[in-house]
PDB file of all heavy atoms in Angstrom:
ATOM      1  N   GLY A   1       0.807  -1.209   0.000  1.00  0.00           N
ATOM      2  CA  GLY A   1       0.000   0.000   0.000  1.00  0.00           C
ATOM      3  C   GLY A   1       0.841   1.260   0.000  1.00  0.00           C
ATOM      4  O   GLY A   1       0.490   2.262  -0.638  1.00  0.00           O
ATOM      5  N   GLU A   2       1.969   1.204   0.701  1.00  0.00           N
ATOM      6  CA  GLU A   2       2.860   2.365   0.769  1.00  0.00           C
ATOM      7  C   GLU A   2       3.491   2.641  -0.585  1.00  0.00           C
ATOM      8  O   GLU A   2       3.595   3.801  -1.024  1.00  0.00           O
ATOM      9  CB  GLU A   2       3.934   2.105   1.826  1.00  0.00           C
ATOM     10  CG  GLU A   2       4.891   3.247   2.058  1.00  0.00           C
ATOM     11  CD  GLU A   2       5.912   2.896   3.128  1.00  0.00           C
ATOM     12  OE1 GLU A   2       5.505   2.739   4.297  1.00  0.00           O
ATOM     13  OE2 GLU A   2       7.116   2.769   2.777  1.00  0.00           O
ATOM     14  N   VAL A   3       3.922   1.580  -1.275  1.00  0.00           N
ATOM     15  CA  VAL A   3       4.505   1.741  -2.608  1.00  0.00           C
ATOM     16  C   VAL A   3       3.447   2.266  -3.579  1.00  0.00           C
ATOM     17  O   VAL A   3       3.719   3.143  -4.402  1.00  0.00           O
ATOM     18  CB  VAL A   3       5.084   0.406  -3.115  1.00  0.00           C
ATOM     19  CG1 VAL A   3       5.562   0.536  -4.562  1.00  0.00           C
ATOM     20  CG2 VAL A   3       6.230  -0.047  -2.228  1.00  0.00           C
ATOM     21  N   ALA A   4       2.217   1.730  -3.476  1.00  0.00           N
ATOM     22  CA  ALA A   4       1.137   2.181  -4.353  1.00  0.00           C
ATOM     23  C   ALA A   4       0.860   3.669  -4.168  1.00  0.00           C
ATOM     24  O   ALA A   4       0.622   4.401  -5.135  1.00  0.00           O
ATOM     25  CB  ALA A   4      -0.119   1.370  -4.078  1.00  0.00           C
ATOM     26  N   GLN A   5       0.900   4.145  -2.933  1.00  0.00           N
ATOM     27  CA  GLN A   5       0.669   5.562  -2.675  1.00  0.00           C
ATOM     28  C   GLN A   5       1.755   6.417  -3.319  1.00  0.00           C
ATOM     29  O   GLN A   5       1.473   7.521  -3.812  1.00  0.00           O
ATOM     30  CB  GLN A   5       0.603   5.811  -1.171  1.00  0.00           C
ATOM     31  CG  GLN A   5      -0.653   5.256  -0.521  1.00  0.00           C
ATOM     32  CD  GLN A   5      -0.605   5.304   0.991  1.00  0.00           C
ATOM     33  OE1 GLN A   5       0.366   5.776   1.573  1.00  0.00           O
ATOM     34  NE2 GLN A   5      -1.655   4.805   1.634  1.00  0.00           N
ATOM     35  N   ASP A   6       2.992   5.918  -3.357  1.00  0.00           N
ATOM     36  CA  ASP A   6       4.063   6.652  -4.018  1.00  0.00           C
ATOM     37  C   ASP A   6       3.816   6.740  -5.523  1.00  0.00           C
ATOM     38  O   ASP A   6       4.112   7.764  -6.157  1.00  0.00           O
ATOM     39  CB  ASP A   6       5.414   5.975  -3.765  1.00  0.00           C
ATOM     40  CG  ASP A   6       5.988   6.314  -2.401  1.00  0.00           C
ATOM     41  OD1 ASP A   6       5.438   7.202  -1.733  1.00  0.00           O
ATOM     42  OD2 ASP A   6       6.986   5.679  -2.005  1.00  0.00           O
ATOM     43  N   VAL A   7       3.282   5.656  -6.109  1.00  0.00           N
ATOM     44  CA  VAL A   7       2.974   5.671  -7.534  1.00  0.00           C
ATOM     45  C   VAL A   7       1.864   6.678  -7.823  1.00  0.00           C
ATOM     46  O   VAL A   7       1.960   7.488  -8.748  1.00  0.00           O
ATOM     47  CB  VAL A   7       2.565   4.267  -8.019  1.00  0.00           C
ATOM     48  CG1 VAL A   7       2.086   4.316  -9.484  1.00  0.00           C
ATOM     49  CG2 VAL A   7       3.717   3.285  -7.883  1.00  0.00           C
ATOM     50  N   VAL A   8       0.807   6.634  -7.026  1.00  0.00           N
ATOM     51  CA  VAL A   8      -0.325   7.533  -7.227  1.00  0.00           C
ATOM     52  C   VAL A   8       0.096   8.991  -7.061  1.00  0.00           C
ATOM     53  O   VAL A   8      -0.347   9.876  -7.802  1.00  0.00           O
ATOM     54  CB  VAL A   8      -1.466   7.180  -6.252  1.00  0.00           C
ATOM     55  CG1 VAL A   8      -2.583   8.221  -6.310  1.00  0.00           C
ATOM     56  CG2 VAL A   8      -2.022   5.797  -6.578  1.00  0.00           C
ATOM     57  N   ALA A   9       0.971   9.256  -6.090  1.00  0.00           N
ATOM     58  CA  ALA A   9       1.448  10.614  -5.842  1.00  0.00           C
ATOM     59  C   ALA A   9       2.561  11.018  -6.812  1.00  0.00           C
ATOM     60  O   ALA A   9       3.107  12.116  -6.695  1.00  0.00           O
ATOM     61  CB  ALA A   9       1.952  10.738  -4.403  1.00  0.00           C
ATOM     62  N   ARG A  10       2.896  10.128  -7.748  1.00  0.00           N
ATOM     63  CA  ARG A  10       3.922  10.373  -8.764  1.00  0.00           C
ATOM     64  C   ARG A  10       5.317  10.561  -8.160  1.00  0.00           C
ATOM     65  O   ARG A  10       6.163  11.248  -8.725  1.00  0.00           O
ATOM     66  CB  ARG A  10       3.540  11.565  -9.659  1.00  0.00           C
ATOM     67  CG  ARG A  10       2.198  11.369 -10.347  1.00  0.00           C
ATOM     68  CD  ARG A  10       1.866  12.499 -11.306  1.00  0.00           C
ATOM     69  NE  ARG A  10       0.520  12.346 -11.825  1.00  0.00           N
ATOM     70  CZ  ARG A  10       0.143  11.546 -12.826  1.00  0.00           C
ATOM     71  NH1 ARG A  10       1.063  10.796 -13.415  1.00  0.00           N
ATOM     72  NH2 ARG A  10      -1.108  11.476 -13.212  1.00  0.00           N
ATOM     73  N   ARG A  11       5.526   9.961  -6.992  1.00  0.00           N
ATOM     74  CA  ARG A  11       6.868   9.911  -6.432  1.00  0.00           C
ATOM     75  C   ARG A  11       7.652   8.705  -6.967  1.00  0.00           C
ATOM     76  O   ARG A  11       8.853   8.603  -6.783  1.00  0.00           O
ATOM     77  CB  ARG A  11       6.811   9.853  -4.901  1.00  0.00           C
ATOM     78  CG  ARG A  11       6.295  11.117  -4.239  1.00  0.00           C
ATOM     79  CD  ARG A  11       6.467  11.071  -2.734  1.00  0.00           C
ATOM     80  NE  ARG A  11       5.650  10.044  -2.113  1.00  0.00           N
ATOM     81  CZ  ARG A  11       4.431  10.246  -1.615  1.00  0.00           C
ATOM     82  NH1 ARG A  11       3.882  11.444  -1.699  1.00  0.00           N
ATOM     83  NH2 ARG A  11       3.757   9.262  -1.053  1.00  0.00           N
ATOM     84  N   LEU A  12       6.916   7.785  -7.586  1.00  0.00           N
ATOM     85  CA  LEU A  12       7.522   6.566  -8.116  1.00  0.00           C
ATOM     86  C   LEU A  12       6.889   6.268  -9.464  1.00  0.00           C
ATOM     87  O   LEU A  12       5.663   6.246  -9.580  1.00  0.00           O
ATOM     88  CB  LEU A  12       7.298   5.399  -7.136  1.00  0.00           C
ATOM     89  CG  LEU A  12       7.832   4.030  -7.549  1.00  0.00           C
ATOM     90  CD1 LEU A  12       9.345   4.042  -7.614  1.00  0.00           C
ATOM     91  CD2 LEU A  12       7.360   2.972  -6.552  1.00  0.00           C
ATOM     92  N   ARG A  13       7.725   6.053 -10.475  1.00  0.00           N
ATOM     93  CA  ARG A  13       7.222   5.762 -11.813  1.00  0.00           C
ATOM     94  C   ARG A  13       7.896   4.508 -12.338  1.00  0.00           C
ATOM     95  O   ARG A  13       9.122   4.361 -12.214  1.00  0.00           O
ATOM     96  CB  ARG A  13       7.501   6.946 -12.755  1.00  0.00           C
ATOM     97  CG  ARG A  13       6.986   6.713 -14.178  1.00  0.00           C
ATOM     98  CD  ARG A  13       7.255   7.922 -15.050  1.00  0.00           C
ATOM     99  NE  ARG A  13       8.682   8.243 -15.077  1.00  0.00           N
ATOM    100  CZ  ARG A  13       9.167   9.403 -15.487  1.00  0.00           C
ATOM    101  NH1 ARG A  13       8.347  10.370 -15.840  1.00  0.00           N
ATOM    102  NH2 ARG A  13      10.477   9.605 -15.500  1.00  0.00           N
ATOM    103  N   PHE A  14       7.122   3.630 -12.945  1.00  0.00           N
ATOM    104  CA  PHE A  14       7.664   2.418 -13.541  1.00  0.00           C
ATOM    105  C   PHE A  14       7.962   2.684 -15.013  1.00  0.00           C
ATOM    106  O   PHE A  14       7.142   3.252 -15.725  1.00  0.00           O
ATOM    107  CB  PHE A  14       6.661   1.265 -13.406  1.00  0.00           C
ATOM    108  CG  PHE A  14       6.623   0.649 -12.041  1.00  0.00           C
ATOM    109  CD1 PHE A  14       6.222   1.394 -10.936  1.00  0.00           C
ATOM    110  CD2 PHE A  14       6.980  -0.676 -11.847  1.00  0.00           C
ATOM    111  CE1 PHE A  14       6.183   0.837  -9.669  1.00  0.00           C
ATOM    112  CE2 PHE A  14       6.945  -1.246 -10.581  1.00  0.00           C
ATOM    113  CZ  PHE A  14       6.547  -0.488  -9.494  1.00  0.00           C
ATOM    114  N   ARG A  15       9.160   2.240 -15.442  1.00  0.00           N
ATOM    115  CA  ARG A  15       9.563   2.436 -16.823  1.00  0.00           C
ATOM    116  C   ARG A  15      10.169   1.147 -17.349  1.00  0.00           C
ATOM    117  O   ARG A  15      10.515   0.247 -16.610  1.00  0.00           O
ATOM    118  CB  ARG A  15      10.570   3.592 -16.937  1.00  0.00           C
ATOM    119  CG  ARG A  15      10.068   4.894 -16.347  1.00  0.00           C
ATOM    120  CD  ARG A  15      11.071   6.002 -16.484  1.00  0.00           C
ATOM    121  NE  ARG A  15      11.256   6.388 -17.876  1.00  0.00           N
ATOM    122  CZ  ARG A  15      12.136   7.305 -18.284  1.00  0.00           C
ATOM    123  NH1 ARG A  15      12.917   7.903 -17.400  1.00  0.00           N
ATOM    124  NH2 ARG A  15      12.246   7.624 -19.556  1.00  0.00           N
ATOM    125  N   ASP A  16      10.287   1.055 -18.653  1.00  0.00           N
ATOM    126  CA  ASP A  16      10.827  -0.120 -19.322  1.00  0.00           C
ATOM    127  C   ASP A  16      11.938   0.298 -20.274  1.00  0.00           C
ATOM    128  O   ASP A  16      11.841   1.325 -20.938  1.00  0.00           O
ATOM    129  CB  ASP A  16       9.731  -0.815 -20.133  1.00  0.00           C
ATOM    130  CG  ASP A  16       9.555  -2.259 -19.715  1.00  0.00           C
ATOM    131  OD1 ASP A  16      10.365  -2.741 -18.926  1.00  0.00           O
ATOM    132  OD2 ASP A  16       8.601  -2.892 -20.187  1.00  0.00           O
ATOM    133  N   ASP A  17      13.005  -0.495 -20.348  1.00  0.00           N
ATOM    134  CA  ASP A  17      13.975  -0.328 -21.426  1.00  0.00           C
ATOM    135  C   ASP A  17      14.433  -1.713 -21.843  1.00  0.00           C
ATOM    136  O   ASP A  17      13.931  -2.727 -21.389  1.00  0.00           O
ATOM    137  CB  ASP A  17      15.143   0.572 -21.006  1.00  0.00           C
ATOM    138  CG  ASP A  17      16.048  -0.068 -19.952  1.00  0.00           C
ATOM    139  OD1 ASP A  17      15.777  -1.225 -19.567  1.00  0.00           O
ATOM    140  OD2 ASP A  17      17.006   0.583 -19.525  1.00  0.00           O
ATOM    141  N   ARG A  18      15.388  -1.789 -22.717  1.00  0.00           N
ATOM    142  CA  ARG A  18      15.789  -3.091 -23.258  1.00  0.00           C
ATOM    143  C   ARG A  18      16.450  -3.981 -22.229  1.00  0.00           C
ATOM    144  O   ARG A  18      16.560  -5.187 -22.424  1.00  0.00           O
ATOM    145  CB  ARG A  18      16.738  -2.879 -24.444  1.00  0.00           C
ATOM    146  CG  ARG A  18      16.051  -2.224 -25.640  1.00  0.00           C
ATOM    147  CD  ARG A  18      17.018  -2.075 -26.803  1.00  0.00           C
ATOM    148  NE  ARG A  18      16.373  -1.432 -27.940  1.00  0.00           N
ATOM    149  CZ  ARG A  18      16.998  -1.150 -29.080  1.00  0.00           C
ATOM    150  NH1 ARG A  18      18.286  -1.452 -29.220  1.00  0.00           N
ATOM    151  NH2 ARG A  18      16.340  -0.569 -30.062  1.00  0.00           N
ATOM    152  N   THR A  19      16.938  -3.405 -21.171  1.00  0.00           N
ATOM    153  CA  THR A  19      17.605  -4.226 -20.147  1.00  0.00           C
ATOM    154  C   THR A  19      16.612  -4.765 -19.123  1.00  0.00           C
ATOM    155  O   THR A  19      16.985  -5.503 -18.235  1.00  0.00           O
ATOM    156  CB  THR A  19      18.662  -3.405 -19.399  1.00  0.00           C
ATOM    157  OG1 THR A  19      18.026  -2.333 -18.689  1.00  0.00           O
ATOM    158  CG2 THR A  19      19.668  -2.830 -20.370  1.00  0.00           C
ATOM    159  N   GLY A  20      15.343  -4.387 -19.247  1.00  0.00           N
ATOM    160  CA  GLY A  20      14.352  -4.876 -18.295  1.00  0.00           C
ATOM    161  C   GLY A  20      13.641  -3.740 -17.607  1.00  0.00           C
ATOM    162  O   GLY A  20      13.762  -2.582 -17.971  1.00  0.00           O
ATOM    163  N   ASP A  21      12.875  -4.079 -16.591  1.00  0.00           N
ATOM    164  CA  ASP A  21      12.079  -3.085 -15.875  1.00  0.00           C
ATOM    165  C   ASP A  21      12.954  -2.310 -14.902  1.00  0.00           C
ATOM    166  O   ASP A  21      13.883  -2.841 -14.321  1.00  0.00           O
ATOM    167  CB  ASP A  21      10.974  -3.764 -15.057  1.00  0.00           C
ATOM    168  CG  ASP A  21      10.047  -4.572 -15.934  1.00  0.00           C
ATOM    169  OD1 ASP A  21       9.925  -4.234 -17.111  1.00  0.00           O
ATOM    170  OD2 ASP A  21       9.464  -5.540 -15.424  1.00  0.00           O
ATOM    171  N   PHE A  22      12.652  -1.059 -14.724  1.00  0.00           N
ATOM    172  CA  PHE A  22      13.249  -0.316 -13.631  1.00  0.00           C
ATOM    173  C   PHE A  22      12.282   0.772 -13.218  1.00  0.00           C
ATOM    174  O   PHE A  22      11.296   1.037 -13.879  1.00  0.00           O
ATOM    175  CB  PHE A  22      14.620   0.263 -14.005  1.00  0.00           C
ATOM    176  CG  PHE A  22      14.583   1.330 -15.068  1.00  0.00           C
ATOM    177  CD1 PHE A  22      14.474   2.658 -14.711  1.00  0.00           C
ATOM    178  CD2 PHE A  22      14.662   0.990 -16.408  1.00  0.00           C
ATOM    179  CE1 PHE A  22      14.461   3.650 -15.683  1.00  0.00           C
ATOM    180  CE2 PHE A  22      14.639   1.977 -17.379  1.00  0.00           C
ATOM    181  CZ  PHE A  22      14.535   3.308 -17.029  1.00  0.00           C
ATOM    182  N   THR A  23      12.568   1.392 -12.103  1.00  0.00           N
ATOM    183  CA  THR A  23      11.685   2.428 -11.591  1.00  0.00           C
ATOM    184  C   THR A  23      12.478   3.684 -11.331  1.00  0.00           C
ATOM    185  O   THR A  23      13.678   3.642 -11.069  1.00  0.00           O
ATOM    186  CB  THR A  23      11.027   1.996 -10.264  1.00  0.00           C
ATOM    187  OG1 THR A  23      12.061   1.710  -9.326  1.00  0.00           O
ATOM    188  CG2 THR A  23      10.136   0.799 -10.446  1.00  0.00           C
ATOM    189  N   ASP A  24      11.793   4.804 -11.433  1.00  0.00           N
ATOM    190  CA  ASP A  24      12.358   6.088 -11.068  1.00  0.00           C
ATOM    191  C   ASP A  24      11.809   6.462  -9.712  1.00  0.00           C
ATOM    192  O   ASP A  24      10.589   6.499  -9.532  1.00  0.00           O
ATOM    193  CB  ASP A  24      11.956   7.179 -12.067  1.00  0.00           C
ATOM    194  CG  ASP A  24      12.796   7.137 -13.333  1.00  0.00           C
ATOM    195  OD1 ASP A  24      13.853   6.487 -13.301  1.00  0.00           O
ATOM    196  OD2 ASP A  24      12.377   7.726 -14.339  1.00  0.00           O
ATOM    197  N   ASP A  25      12.660   6.748  -8.760  1.00  0.00           N
ATOM    198  CA  ASP A  25      12.234   7.214  -7.451  1.00  0.00           C
ATOM    199  C   ASP A  25      12.306   8.730  -7.413  1.00  0.00           C
ATOM    200  O   ASP A  25      13.364   9.308  -7.617  1.00  0.00           O
ATOM    201  CB  ASP A  25      13.111   6.632  -6.335  1.00  0.00           C
ATOM    202  CG  ASP A  25      12.794   5.181  -6.088  1.00  0.00           C
ATOM    203  OD1 ASP A  25      11.647   4.911  -5.695  1.00  0.00           O
ATOM    204  OD2 ASP A  25      13.669   4.334  -6.297  1.00  0.00           O
ATOM    205  N   PHE A  26      11.175   9.358  -7.128  1.00  0.00           N
ATOM    206  CA  PHE A  26      11.101  10.796  -7.031  1.00  0.00           C
ATOM    207  C   PHE A  26      11.396  11.217  -5.596  1.00  0.00           C
ATOM    208  O   PHE A  26      11.158  10.473  -4.661  1.00  0.00           O
ATOM    209  CB  PHE A  26       9.696  11.293  -7.393  1.00  0.00           C
ATOM    210  CG  PHE A  26       9.371  11.187  -8.851  1.00  0.00           C
ATOM    211  CD1 PHE A  26       9.443   9.978  -9.525  1.00  0.00           C
ATOM    212  CD2 PHE A  26       8.976  12.298  -9.553  1.00  0.00           C
ATOM    213  CE1 PHE A  26       9.119   9.884 -10.858  1.00  0.00           C
ATOM    214  CE2 PHE A  26       8.640  12.210 -10.895  1.00  0.00           C
ATOM    215  CZ  PHE A  26       8.727  11.008 -11.547  1.00  0.00           C
ATOM    216  N   ASP A  27      11.861  12.433  -5.429  1.00  0.00           N
ATOM    217  CA  ASP A  27      11.963  12.998  -4.095  1.00  0.00           C
ATOM    218  C   ASP A  27      10.563  13.308  -3.590  1.00  0.00           C
ATOM    219  O   ASP A  27       9.587  13.271  -4.343  1.00  0.00           O
ATOM    220  CB  ASP A  27      12.789  14.284  -4.116  1.00  0.00           C
ATOM    221  CG  ASP A  27      14.234  13.998  -4.528  1.00  0.00           C
ATOM    222  OD1 ASP A  27      14.701  12.877  -4.254  1.00  0.00           O
ATOM    223  OD2 ASP A  27      14.856  14.892  -5.136  1.00  0.00           O
TER     224      ASP A  27
END
């Protein structure tokens, strides 16, 4: 739930590239 709240608040974004999944952590 805590991680989901970060996604909703746009503090955390999931992205994809050729090396696999990664996430951007916002301040």
